[in-house]
Amino acid sequence: MERLNLTIEGMTCEHCVRAVRGRLEKTPGVKLDDVQVGSATLDFDPSVTNIDDIEEAIADEGYTAFVPG
């Protein structure tokens, strides 16, 4: 498992947090740690998924995710 800290733009409320949390919990290979307004912390199995797929899953909910730095 690899640790991933994402910045997520467009989140403004708890509804946003629930939407992103729900989507990430359904993403194969992802073990969610924390979702807050503007960020998510998770572990993922690179043999199952990758950062681009995780960012795309969040984009499907209407938000922009990226690895800061």
Protein backbone atom coordinates (compact mmCIF):
# COMPACT_ATOMS: atom_id res chain seq x y z
CA MET A 1 0.00 0.00 0.00
CA GLU A 2 1.12 3.54 -0.74
CA ARG A 3 0.06 6.61 1.23
CA LEU A 4 -1.55 9.46 -0.68
CA ASN A 5 -2.44 12.97 0.50
CA LEU A 6 -4.65 14.82 -1.95
CA THR A 7 -5.78 18.42 -2.19
CA ILE A 8 -9.35 18.64 -3.47
CA GLU A 9 -10.72 21.84 -4.95
CA GLY A 10 -14.40 22.68 -5.05
CA MET A 11 -15.40 21.15 -1.71
CA THR A 12 -17.29 23.56 0.54
CA CYS A 13 -19.39 21.53 2.99
CA GLU A 14 -20.15 18.22 4.67
CA HIS A 15 -22.22 17.14 1.66
CA CYS A 16 -19.05 17.42 -0.42
CA VAL A 17 -17.14 15.37 2.15
CA ARG A 18 -19.80 12.63 2.08
CA ALA A 19 -19.81 12.55 -1.73
CA VAL A 20 -16.03 12.18 -1.96
CA ARG A 21 -15.90 9.70 0.93
CA GLY A 22 -18.60 7.53 -0.64
CA ARG A 23 -16.88 7.49 -4.02
CA LEU A 24 -13.45 6.67 -2.60
CA GLU A 25 -14.87 3.89 -0.42
CA LYS A 26 -16.19 2.26 -3.62
CA THR A 27 -12.88 2.56 -5.46
CA PRO A 28 -11.08 -0.82 -5.66
CA GLY A 29 -7.67 -0.87 -4.01
CA VAL A 30 -8.34 2.22 -1.87
CA LYS A 31 -8.34 2.22 1.93
CA LEU A 32 -9.65 5.59 3.04
CA ASP A 33 -8.17 7.25 6.10
CA ASP A 34 -9.72 10.73 6.22
CA VAL A 35 -11.71 13.17 4.10
CA GLN A 36 -12.14 16.81 5.06
CA VAL A 37 -13.24 19.86 3.13
CA GLY A 38 -10.37 20.36 0.69
CA SER A 39 -8.37 17.18 1.29
CA ALA A 40 -8.27 13.42 1.52
CA THR A 41 -5.76 11.00 2.99
CA LEU A 42 -5.78 7.38 1.89
CA ASP A 43 -3.72 4.30 1.17
CA PHE A 44 -3.94 2.60 -2.20
CA ASP A 45 -2.68 -0.63 -3.71
CA PRO A 46 -0.72 0.29 -6.87
CA SER A 47 -1.32 -3.19 -8.29
CA VAL A 48 -5.07 -2.42 -8.30
CA THR A 49 -5.35 1.33 -8.94
CA ASN A 50 -3.23 4.43 -9.48
CA ILE A 51 -3.27 8.13 -8.65
CA ASP A 52 -4.84 9.07 -11.99
CA ASP A 53 -7.75 6.67 -11.38
CA ILE A 54 -8.27 8.05 -7.88
CA GLU A 55 -8.23 11.65 -9.16
CA GLU A 56 -10.70 10.65 -11.89
CA ALA A 57 -13.03 9.04 -9.34
CA ILE A 58 -13.09 12.32 -7.41
CA ALA A 59 -13.62 14.26 -10.65
CA ASP A 60 -16.68 12.07 -11.30
CA GLU A 61 -18.16 13.66 -8.17
CA GLY A 62 -17.45 17.15 -9.53
CA TYR A 63 -14.25 18.05 -7.70
CA THR A 64 -10.63 18.52 -8.79
CA ALA A 65 -8.06 16.44 -6.92
CA PHE A 66 -4.29 16.63 -7.17
CA VAL A 67 -1.16 15.76 -5.26
CA PRO A 68 0.18 19.01 -3.80
CA GLY A 69 3.74 20.01 -4.47
